[in-house]
N, C-alpha and C. Protein backbone atom coordinates (compact mmCIF):
# COMPACT_ATOMS: atom_id res chain seq x y z
N MET A 1 -10.09 -13.82 -47.76
CA MET A 1 -10.36 -14.14 -46.38
C MET A 1 -9.45 -15.22 -45.89
N ARG A 2 -9.27 -16.31 -46.69
CA ARG A 2 -8.38 -17.39 -46.27
C ARG A 2 -6.87 -16.92 -46.05
N THR A 3 -6.50 -16.02 -46.91
CA THR A 3 -5.14 -15.41 -46.74
C THR A 3 -5.03 -14.65 -45.40
N ILE A 4 -5.98 -13.79 -45.15
CA ILE A 4 -6.01 -13.12 -43.86
C ILE A 4 -5.86 -14.07 -42.65
N ILE A 5 -6.71 -15.06 -42.62
CA ILE A 5 -6.71 -16.05 -41.58
C ILE A 5 -5.33 -16.68 -41.42
N THR A 6 -4.77 -17.06 -42.58
CA THR A 6 -3.38 -17.68 -42.56
C THR A 6 -2.36 -16.68 -42.01
N ILE A 7 -2.47 -15.46 -42.42
CA ILE A 7 -1.45 -14.46 -41.85
C ILE A 7 -1.66 -14.31 -40.38
N ILE A 8 -2.92 -14.23 -39.84
CA ILE A 8 -3.14 -14.13 -38.44
C ILE A 8 -2.57 -15.30 -37.74
N LEU A 9 -2.85 -16.56 -38.21
CA LEU A 9 -2.35 -17.67 -37.49
C LEU A 9 -0.85 -17.77 -37.52
N VAL A 10 -0.12 -17.47 -38.61
CA VAL A 10 1.29 -17.50 -38.65
C VAL A 10 1.81 -16.38 -37.62
N THR A 11 1.24 -15.28 -37.59
CA THR A 11 1.62 -14.25 -36.59
C THR A 11 1.51 -14.52 -35.24
N MET A 12 0.39 -15.31 -34.89
CA MET A 12 0.12 -15.72 -33.57
C MET A 12 1.16 -16.84 -33.18
N LEU A 13 1.51 -17.74 -34.08
CA LEU A 13 2.45 -18.81 -33.74
C LEU A 13 3.87 -18.22 -33.52
N GLN A 14 4.18 -17.21 -34.34
CA GLN A 14 5.42 -16.57 -34.09
C GLN A 14 5.50 -15.81 -32.73
N ALA A 15 4.44 -15.18 -32.38
CA ALA A 15 4.33 -14.51 -31.05
C ALA A 15 4.43 -15.56 -29.96
N CYS A 16 3.84 -16.64 -30.10
CA CYS A 16 4.00 -17.77 -29.09
C CYS A 16 5.33 -18.24 -28.92
N THR A 17 6.10 -18.30 -30.01
CA THR A 17 7.46 -18.73 -30.05
C THR A 17 8.31 -17.79 -29.21
N LEU A 18 8.00 -16.52 -29.39
CA LEU A 18 8.83 -15.44 -28.74
C LEU A 18 8.64 -15.35 -27.22
N VAL A 19 7.44 -15.79 -26.77
CA VAL A 19 7.18 -15.75 -25.30
C VAL A 19 7.26 -17.14 -24.62
N GLY A 20 7.78 -18.05 -25.29
CA GLY A 20 7.89 -19.35 -24.74
C GLY A 20 8.73 -19.36 -23.51
N PRO A 21 8.78 -20.48 -22.71
CA PRO A 21 9.51 -20.52 -21.47
C PRO A 21 10.98 -20.30 -21.60
N THR A 22 11.59 -20.53 -22.86
CA THR A 22 12.89 -20.33 -22.89
C THR A 22 13.42 -18.98 -23.46
N ALA A 23 12.34 -18.09 -23.74
CA ALA A 23 12.71 -16.74 -24.20
C ALA A 23 13.28 -16.01 -22.99
N PRO A 24 14.23 -15.08 -23.24
CA PRO A 24 14.79 -14.31 -22.22
C PRO A 24 13.79 -13.55 -21.39
N GLY A 25 13.91 -13.54 -20.10
CA GLY A 25 12.99 -12.70 -19.24
C GLY A 25 11.75 -13.47 -18.91
N HIS A 26 11.60 -14.77 -19.17
CA HIS A 26 10.46 -15.48 -18.84
C HIS A 26 10.79 -16.71 -17.92
N ALA A 27 9.71 -17.20 -17.42
CA ALA A 27 9.87 -18.31 -16.42
C ALA A 27 10.93 -19.36 -16.85
N SER A 28 11.70 -19.83 -15.89
CA SER A 28 12.67 -20.90 -16.10
C SER A 28 13.89 -20.42 -16.94
N ASP A 29 14.08 -19.16 -17.06
CA ASP A 29 15.27 -18.59 -17.69
C ASP A 29 16.39 -18.49 -16.75
N THR A 30 17.42 -19.21 -16.90
CA THR A 30 18.58 -19.12 -15.99
C THR A 30 19.72 -18.27 -16.71
N TRP A 31 20.44 -17.55 -15.94
CA TRP A 31 21.41 -16.68 -16.52
C TRP A 31 22.53 -16.34 -15.58
N THR A 32 23.66 -15.81 -15.94
CA THR A 32 24.73 -15.32 -15.17
C THR A 32 24.93 -13.84 -15.61
N GLY A 33 25.21 -13.07 -14.66
CA GLY A 33 25.43 -11.60 -14.98
C GLY A 33 26.29 -10.97 -13.98
N TYR A 34 26.68 -9.65 -14.25
CA TYR A 34 27.52 -8.90 -13.47
C TYR A 34 26.73 -7.70 -12.91
N VAL A 35 26.64 -7.57 -11.58
CA VAL A 35 25.85 -6.51 -11.03
C VAL A 35 26.60 -5.11 -11.20
N VAL A 36 25.89 -4.18 -11.85
CA VAL A 36 26.41 -2.83 -12.05
C VAL A 36 25.71 -1.80 -11.22
N GLN A 37 24.55 -2.07 -10.62
CA GLN A 37 23.89 -1.11 -9.76
C GLN A 37 22.98 -1.82 -8.85
N VAL A 38 22.90 -1.22 -7.66
CA VAL A 38 22.00 -1.68 -6.58
C VAL A 38 21.07 -0.49 -6.36
N HIS A 39 19.76 -0.68 -6.73
CA HIS A 39 18.84 0.41 -6.56
C HIS A 39 18.34 0.57 -5.12
N ASP A 40 18.08 -0.52 -4.54
CA ASP A 40 17.59 -0.61 -3.16
C ASP A 40 17.92 -2.11 -2.68
N GLY A 41 17.32 -2.42 -1.55
CA GLY A 41 17.65 -3.84 -1.07
C GLY A 41 17.25 -4.90 -1.91
N ASP A 42 16.18 -4.77 -2.76
CA ASP A 42 15.78 -5.96 -3.50
C ASP A 42 15.70 -5.67 -5.00
N THR A 43 16.36 -4.68 -5.51
CA THR A 43 16.31 -4.36 -6.97
C THR A 43 17.71 -3.98 -7.40
N ILE A 44 18.21 -4.68 -8.44
CA ILE A 44 19.56 -4.44 -8.89
C ILE A 44 19.51 -4.35 -10.52
N THR A 45 20.58 -3.90 -11.04
CA THR A 45 20.79 -3.93 -12.44
C THR A 45 21.94 -4.79 -12.74
N VAL A 46 21.84 -5.61 -13.79
CA VAL A 46 22.80 -6.69 -14.11
C VAL A 46 23.10 -6.49 -15.60
N ILE A 47 24.43 -6.80 -15.94
CA ILE A 47 24.77 -6.89 -17.27
C ILE A 47 24.84 -8.42 -17.56
N ASP A 48 24.03 -8.88 -18.42
CA ASP A 48 23.99 -10.27 -18.87
C ASP A 48 24.61 -10.39 -20.25
N PRO A 49 25.63 -11.21 -20.44
CA PRO A 49 26.28 -11.16 -21.82
C PRO A 49 25.41 -11.49 -22.94
N GLU A 50 24.36 -12.15 -22.76
CA GLU A 50 23.43 -12.51 -23.88
C GLU A 50 22.37 -11.47 -24.04
N ARG A 51 21.85 -10.92 -22.98
CA ARG A 51 20.76 -9.99 -23.05
C ARG A 51 21.07 -8.55 -22.80
N GLY A 52 22.25 -8.21 -22.37
CA GLY A 52 22.63 -6.84 -22.06
C GLY A 52 22.17 -6.42 -20.68
N ARG A 53 21.82 -5.19 -20.63
CA ARG A 53 21.45 -4.62 -19.26
C ARG A 53 20.03 -5.03 -18.87
N ILE A 54 19.85 -5.65 -17.64
CA ILE A 54 18.59 -6.08 -17.22
C ILE A 54 18.33 -5.62 -15.79
N LYS A 55 17.16 -5.21 -15.48
CA LYS A 55 16.77 -4.80 -14.09
C LYS A 55 16.16 -6.05 -13.40
N VAL A 56 16.52 -6.39 -12.27
CA VAL A 56 16.15 -7.62 -11.54
C VAL A 56 15.60 -7.27 -10.23
N ARG A 57 14.43 -7.83 -9.93
CA ARG A 57 13.83 -7.75 -8.58
C ARG A 57 14.05 -9.08 -7.89
N LEU A 58 14.51 -9.11 -6.76
CA LEU A 58 14.65 -10.37 -6.02
C LEU A 58 13.29 -11.01 -5.70
N TYR A 59 13.14 -12.32 -6.09
CA TYR A 59 11.95 -13.01 -5.90
C TYR A 59 11.58 -13.22 -4.44
N GLY A 60 10.36 -13.02 -4.01
CA GLY A 60 9.85 -13.56 -2.80
C GLY A 60 10.15 -12.74 -1.57
N ILE A 61 10.95 -11.66 -1.66
CA ILE A 61 11.08 -10.80 -0.41
C ILE A 61 10.82 -9.43 -0.69
N ASP A 62 10.68 -8.62 0.26
CA ASP A 62 10.50 -7.17 0.08
C ASP A 62 11.35 -6.55 1.25
N THR A 63 12.18 -5.67 0.79
CA THR A 63 13.07 -4.87 1.77
C THR A 63 12.42 -3.61 2.09
N PRO A 64 12.76 -2.94 3.09
CA PRO A 64 12.27 -1.55 3.38
C PRO A 64 12.68 -0.55 2.26
N GLU A 65 11.70 0.21 2.04
CA GLU A 65 11.96 1.29 1.02
C GLU A 65 13.02 2.32 1.43
N LEU A 66 13.66 2.88 0.48
CA LEU A 66 14.57 3.94 0.86
C LEU A 66 13.83 5.14 1.37
N GLY A 67 14.11 5.60 2.48
CA GLY A 67 13.29 6.64 3.25
C GLY A 67 12.46 5.92 4.35
N GLN A 68 12.31 4.67 4.32
CA GLN A 68 11.71 3.95 5.41
C GLN A 68 12.80 3.41 6.30
N PRO A 69 12.49 3.35 7.66
CA PRO A 69 13.56 2.83 8.56
C PRO A 69 14.12 1.55 8.01
N TYR A 70 15.48 1.45 8.05
CA TYR A 70 16.19 0.21 7.56
C TYR A 70 16.26 0.16 6.09
N GLY A 71 15.75 1.07 5.35
CA GLY A 71 15.84 1.02 3.88
C GLY A 71 17.24 1.26 3.37
N ASN A 72 17.89 2.22 3.94
CA ASN A 72 19.34 2.54 3.55
C ASN A 72 20.29 1.35 4.00
N ARG A 73 19.94 0.81 5.15
CA ARG A 73 20.71 -0.30 5.59
C ARG A 73 20.59 -1.49 4.76
N ALA A 74 19.34 -1.84 4.32
CA ALA A 74 19.16 -2.97 3.45
C ALA A 74 19.84 -2.72 2.07
N SER A 75 19.71 -1.51 1.52
CA SER A 75 20.33 -1.18 0.28
C SER A 75 21.91 -1.29 0.37
N GLY A 76 22.42 -0.83 1.47
CA GLY A 76 23.85 -0.88 1.67
C GLY A 76 24.38 -2.33 1.76
N TYR A 77 23.63 -3.15 2.50
CA TYR A 77 23.94 -4.56 2.74
C TYR A 77 23.94 -5.26 1.34
N ALA A 78 22.89 -4.97 0.53
CA ALA A 78 22.81 -5.64 -0.81
C ALA A 78 23.98 -5.15 -1.74
N ALA A 79 24.34 -3.77 -1.52
CA ALA A 79 25.41 -3.28 -2.38
C ALA A 79 26.80 -3.92 -1.99
N LYS A 80 26.97 -4.09 -0.70
CA LYS A 80 28.23 -4.65 -0.32
C LYS A 80 28.34 -6.13 -0.73
N MET A 81 27.25 -6.86 -0.73
CA MET A 81 27.28 -8.19 -1.14
C MET A 81 27.33 -8.31 -2.73
N LEU A 82 26.62 -7.50 -3.44
CA LEU A 82 26.42 -7.78 -4.88
C LEU A 82 27.17 -6.95 -5.85
N LEU A 83 27.40 -5.61 -5.53
CA LEU A 83 27.94 -4.64 -6.46
C LEU A 83 29.24 -5.19 -7.05
N ARG A 84 29.44 -5.10 -8.31
CA ARG A 84 30.61 -5.58 -9.06
C ARG A 84 30.91 -6.98 -8.97
N GLN A 85 29.91 -7.78 -8.66
CA GLN A 85 30.09 -9.27 -8.48
C GLN A 85 29.30 -9.99 -9.64
N GLU A 86 29.82 -11.22 -9.84
CA GLU A 86 28.99 -12.05 -10.84
C GLU A 86 28.01 -12.90 -10.03
N ILE A 87 26.79 -12.93 -10.51
CA ILE A 87 25.70 -13.57 -9.84
C ILE A 87 25.06 -14.63 -10.80
N GLU A 88 24.25 -15.44 -10.29
CA GLU A 88 23.52 -16.45 -11.10
C GLU A 88 22.04 -16.13 -10.69
N GLY A 89 21.18 -16.22 -11.68
CA GLY A 89 19.76 -15.95 -11.57
C GLY A 89 18.85 -16.97 -12.26
N GLU A 90 17.75 -17.11 -11.76
CA GLU A 90 16.69 -17.91 -12.42
C GLU A 90 15.45 -17.00 -12.40
N THR A 91 15.11 -16.47 -13.50
CA THR A 91 13.88 -15.59 -13.71
C THR A 91 12.65 -16.48 -13.58
N VAL A 92 11.73 -16.12 -12.67
CA VAL A 92 10.56 -16.84 -12.49
C VAL A 92 9.33 -16.07 -13.01
N ALA A 93 9.51 -14.83 -13.27
CA ALA A 93 8.36 -13.94 -13.77
C ALA A 93 9.00 -12.65 -14.25
N VAL A 94 8.18 -11.96 -14.95
CA VAL A 94 8.50 -10.48 -15.35
C VAL A 94 7.43 -9.68 -14.68
N ASP A 95 7.72 -8.65 -13.86
CA ASP A 95 6.78 -7.86 -13.21
C ASP A 95 6.17 -6.81 -14.11
N ARG A 96 5.18 -6.06 -13.50
CA ARG A 96 4.48 -5.09 -14.28
C ARG A 96 5.46 -3.85 -14.75
N TYR A 97 6.64 -3.78 -14.12
CA TYR A 97 7.55 -2.74 -14.52
C TYR A 97 8.58 -3.27 -15.47
N GLY A 98 8.47 -4.41 -15.93
CA GLY A 98 9.37 -5.07 -16.88
C GLY A 98 10.64 -5.66 -16.30
N ARG A 99 10.68 -5.70 -15.02
CA ARG A 99 11.85 -6.31 -14.34
C ARG A 99 11.77 -7.82 -14.32
N ASP A 100 12.93 -8.51 -14.44
CA ASP A 100 12.94 -9.85 -14.20
C ASP A 100 12.78 -10.10 -12.72
N VAL A 101 11.89 -10.93 -12.24
CA VAL A 101 11.79 -11.27 -10.91
C VAL A 101 12.49 -12.69 -10.78
N ALA A 102 13.56 -12.69 -9.92
CA ALA A 102 14.46 -13.87 -10.10
C ALA A 102 14.92 -14.32 -8.70
N LEU A 103 15.22 -15.63 -8.64
CA LEU A 103 16.02 -16.16 -7.58
C LEU A 103 17.46 -15.96 -7.80
N VAL A 104 18.19 -15.38 -6.92
CA VAL A 104 19.53 -14.90 -7.24
C VAL A 104 20.51 -15.53 -6.22
N THR A 105 21.62 -16.06 -6.73
CA THR A 105 22.69 -16.51 -5.81
C THR A 105 23.98 -15.88 -6.22
N ILE A 106 24.86 -15.79 -5.27
CA ILE A 106 26.22 -15.42 -5.55
C ILE A 106 27.18 -16.42 -4.86
N LYS A 107 27.97 -16.98 -5.77
CA LYS A 107 28.94 -18.05 -5.23
C LYS A 107 28.16 -19.11 -4.64
N GLY A 108 27.01 -19.47 -5.05
CA GLY A 108 26.16 -20.51 -4.52
C GLY A 108 25.22 -20.17 -3.33
N ALA A 109 25.49 -18.92 -2.71
CA ALA A 109 24.72 -18.51 -1.57
C ALA A 109 23.45 -17.80 -2.07
N ASP A 110 22.37 -17.95 -1.38
CA ASP A 110 21.06 -17.44 -1.59
C ASP A 110 21.04 -15.91 -1.19
N VAL A 111 20.87 -15.02 -2.00
CA VAL A 111 20.89 -13.63 -1.71
C VAL A 111 19.71 -13.23 -0.89
N SER A 112 18.39 -13.64 -1.17
CA SER A 112 17.25 -13.38 -0.51
C SER A 112 17.36 -13.95 0.95
N GLY A 113 17.87 -15.15 1.12
CA GLY A 113 18.06 -15.75 2.42
C GLY A 113 19.03 -14.98 3.31
N ALA A 114 20.07 -14.40 2.59
CA ALA A 114 21.03 -13.56 3.41
C ALA A 114 20.41 -12.32 3.90
N LEU A 115 19.59 -11.65 3.11
CA LEU A 115 18.88 -10.39 3.51
C LEU A 115 17.95 -10.76 4.73
N LEU A 116 17.24 -11.84 4.56
CA LEU A 116 16.26 -12.26 5.65
C LEU A 116 17.05 -12.55 6.90
N LYS A 117 18.16 -13.30 6.84
CA LYS A 117 18.91 -13.63 7.98
C LYS A 117 19.51 -12.46 8.67
N ALA A 118 19.84 -11.42 7.99
CA ALA A 118 20.37 -10.15 8.56
C ALA A 118 19.26 -9.30 9.15
N GLY A 119 18.02 -9.76 8.95
CA GLY A 119 16.84 -8.93 9.45
C GLY A 119 16.66 -7.69 8.70
N LEU A 120 16.92 -7.76 7.36
CA LEU A 120 16.69 -6.54 6.42
C LEU A 120 15.63 -6.83 5.38
N ALA A 121 14.80 -7.90 5.53
CA ALA A 121 13.77 -8.09 4.51
C ALA A 121 12.65 -8.89 5.13
N TRP A 122 11.48 -8.83 4.54
CA TRP A 122 10.32 -9.64 4.83
C TRP A 122 10.14 -10.64 3.75
N VAL A 123 9.70 -11.87 4.03
CA VAL A 123 9.11 -12.71 3.02
C VAL A 123 7.91 -11.97 2.56
N TYR A 124 7.70 -11.89 1.27
CA TYR A 124 6.62 -11.25 0.57
C TYR A 124 5.44 -12.18 0.46
N PRO A 125 4.42 -12.09 1.40
CA PRO A 125 3.46 -13.21 1.48
C PRO A 125 2.65 -13.37 0.24
N ASN A 126 2.35 -12.23 -0.39
CA ASN A 126 1.43 -12.37 -1.55
C ASN A 126 2.15 -12.93 -2.90
N PHE A 127 3.42 -12.92 -2.85
CA PHE A 127 4.18 -13.31 -4.02
C PHE A 127 5.14 -14.44 -3.76
N CYS A 128 5.41 -14.90 -2.60
CA CYS A 128 6.36 -16.04 -2.33
C CYS A 128 5.58 -17.31 -2.30
N ARG A 129 5.67 -18.09 -3.39
CA ARG A 129 4.78 -19.25 -3.44
C ARG A 129 5.64 -20.61 -3.72
N ARG A 130 6.90 -20.39 -3.87
CA ARG A 130 7.83 -21.60 -4.19
C ARG A 130 8.15 -22.31 -2.97
N ASP A 131 8.68 -23.51 -3.06
CA ASP A 131 9.08 -24.38 -1.95
C ASP A 131 10.05 -23.61 -1.00
N VAL A 132 11.02 -22.79 -1.55
CA VAL A 132 11.97 -22.09 -0.83
C VAL A 132 11.34 -21.11 0.20
N CYS A 133 10.14 -20.82 -0.08
CA CYS A 133 9.47 -19.72 0.82
C CYS A 133 9.34 -20.29 2.22
N ALA A 134 9.09 -21.45 2.47
CA ALA A 134 8.96 -22.10 3.77
C ALA A 134 10.26 -22.00 4.52
N GLU A 135 11.35 -22.21 3.86
CA GLU A 135 12.62 -22.05 4.46
C GLU A 135 12.91 -20.66 4.80
N TRP A 136 12.52 -19.68 3.86
CA TRP A 136 12.75 -18.29 4.10
C TRP A 136 11.94 -17.78 5.30
N LYS A 137 10.66 -18.28 5.49
CA LYS A 137 9.85 -17.87 6.58
C LYS A 137 10.60 -18.33 7.88
N ALA A 138 11.16 -19.46 7.92
CA ALA A 138 11.84 -19.97 9.17
C ALA A 138 13.09 -19.00 9.42
N ILE A 139 13.84 -18.59 8.37
CA ILE A 139 14.91 -17.70 8.51
C ILE A 139 14.43 -16.37 9.07
N GLN A 140 13.32 -15.86 8.53
CA GLN A 140 12.75 -14.64 9.00
C GLN A 140 12.35 -14.70 10.46
N GLU A 141 11.76 -15.81 10.90
CA GLU A 141 11.40 -15.97 12.25
C GLU A 141 12.63 -16.04 13.17
N GLN A 142 13.73 -16.55 12.73
CA GLN A 142 14.92 -16.64 13.53
C GLN A 142 15.46 -15.21 13.75
N ALA A 143 15.45 -14.41 12.64
CA ALA A 143 15.98 -13.04 12.75
C ALA A 143 15.02 -12.23 13.64
N ARG A 144 13.73 -12.48 13.55
CA ARG A 144 12.78 -11.76 14.45
C ARG A 144 13.08 -12.22 15.91
N SER A 145 13.15 -13.48 16.15
CA SER A 145 13.34 -13.83 17.60
C SER A 145 14.71 -13.35 18.12
N ARG A 146 15.69 -13.19 17.23
CA ARG A 146 17.03 -12.74 17.75
C ARG A 146 17.03 -11.10 17.66
N ARG A 147 16.04 -10.50 17.25
CA ARG A 147 15.92 -9.11 17.13
C ARG A 147 17.11 -8.52 16.31
N LYS A 148 17.18 -9.09 15.11
CA LYS A 148 18.30 -8.70 14.17
C LYS A 148 17.70 -7.58 13.24
N GLY A 149 18.50 -6.62 12.94
CA GLY A 149 18.11 -5.62 11.95
C GLY A 149 16.77 -4.94 12.27
N LEU A 150 15.90 -4.87 11.38
CA LEU A 150 14.58 -4.16 11.50
C LEU A 150 13.79 -4.81 12.62
N TRP A 151 14.05 -6.00 13.02
CA TRP A 151 13.30 -6.66 14.12
C TRP A 151 13.60 -6.12 15.47
N LEU A 152 14.57 -5.18 15.61
CA LEU A 152 14.80 -4.45 16.81
C LEU A 152 13.60 -3.61 17.13
N ASP A 153 12.82 -3.21 16.09
CA ASP A 153 11.62 -2.47 16.26
C ASP A 153 10.45 -3.40 16.28
N PRO A 154 9.80 -3.70 17.43
CA PRO A 154 8.66 -4.59 17.49
C PRO A 154 7.43 -4.16 16.66
N GLU A 155 7.49 -2.91 16.25
CA GLU A 155 6.34 -2.41 15.35
C GLU A 155 6.78 -2.04 13.99
N ALA A 156 7.83 -2.80 13.53
CA ALA A 156 8.36 -2.53 12.12
C ALA A 156 7.22 -2.73 11.12
N ILE A 157 7.19 -1.84 10.28
CA ILE A 157 6.10 -1.83 9.22
C ILE A 157 6.58 -2.44 7.95
N PRO A 158 5.94 -3.50 7.48
CA PRO A 158 6.37 -4.06 6.17
C PRO A 158 6.25 -3.04 5.04
N PRO A 159 7.11 -3.16 4.07
CA PRO A 159 7.17 -2.11 2.99
C PRO A 159 5.82 -2.05 2.20
N TRP A 160 5.14 -3.25 2.02
CA TRP A 160 3.94 -3.18 1.24
C TRP A 160 2.81 -2.32 1.97
N GLU A 161 2.94 -2.29 3.29
CA GLU A 161 2.07 -1.43 3.99
C GLU A 161 2.54 0.01 4.02
N TRP A 162 3.77 0.20 4.23
CA TRP A 162 4.43 1.55 4.23
C TRP A 162 4.15 2.27 2.91
N ARG A 163 4.18 1.58 1.81
CA ARG A 163 4.06 2.19 0.48
C ARG A 163 2.59 2.72 0.36
N ARG A 164 1.65 2.10 1.06
CA ARG A 164 0.26 2.59 1.04
C ARG A 164 0.03 3.90 1.78
N ASN A 165 0.79 4.14 2.85
CA ASN A 165 0.74 5.22 3.72
C ASN A 165 2.16 5.62 4.24
N PRO A 166 3.01 6.19 3.33
CA PRO A 166 4.33 6.52 3.76
C PRO A 166 4.39 7.45 4.98
N ARG A 167 5.26 7.05 5.95
CA ARG A 167 5.39 7.77 7.18
C ARG A 167 6.41 9.02 6.95
N ILE A 168 6.47 9.79 7.87
CA ILE A 168 7.58 10.83 7.80
C ILE A 168 8.86 10.03 7.89
N ILE A 169 9.81 10.53 7.03
CA ILE A 169 11.09 9.75 7.00
C ILE A 169 11.78 9.94 8.36
N VAL A 170 12.10 8.67 8.83
CA VAL A 170 12.65 8.54 10.17
C VAL A 170 14.15 8.16 10.01
N PRO A 171 15.07 8.81 10.73
CA PRO A 171 16.40 8.35 10.67
C PRO A 171 16.57 7.00 11.18
N GLU A 172 17.55 6.18 10.58
CA GLU A 172 17.73 4.83 10.92
C GLU A 172 18.43 4.75 12.39
N PRO A 173 18.11 3.70 13.12
CA PRO A 173 18.75 3.54 14.39
C PRO A 173 20.16 3.30 14.30
């Protein structure tokens, strides 16, 4: 019995070591990578020299889905900015799909902030809890007041609502 308990404790300690804050793909993990694919406005695939190919979800924002008005525009904007570029990221979580959820910058510029400023994203209210979210909300309000991007439509539907009840695919303006 004592041997079994010892084996269980050693196994648990090893497991804790593997998921500690410095383990790849966990909170406070910073990395540099090369963008090889843009899936949509807020999801990319990156080659990280240490970890290989990783899928990354931009932290704190939600862009229109492909098929939703402005979805293609958000995806195209992200591709133009990020594809075949080196980026820096700070993984803050891993989502239920196994993607790193990360704060991402390119040449020091905030990628999420750029999408918000262009009017191609919403601050994701249920998931944006860091200090930067207040700044992002202000950027979003500026884009809305200037009627940039999706804010041309006063009844623009946030993607988290659209996913619950997808509308007929509407051509982008």
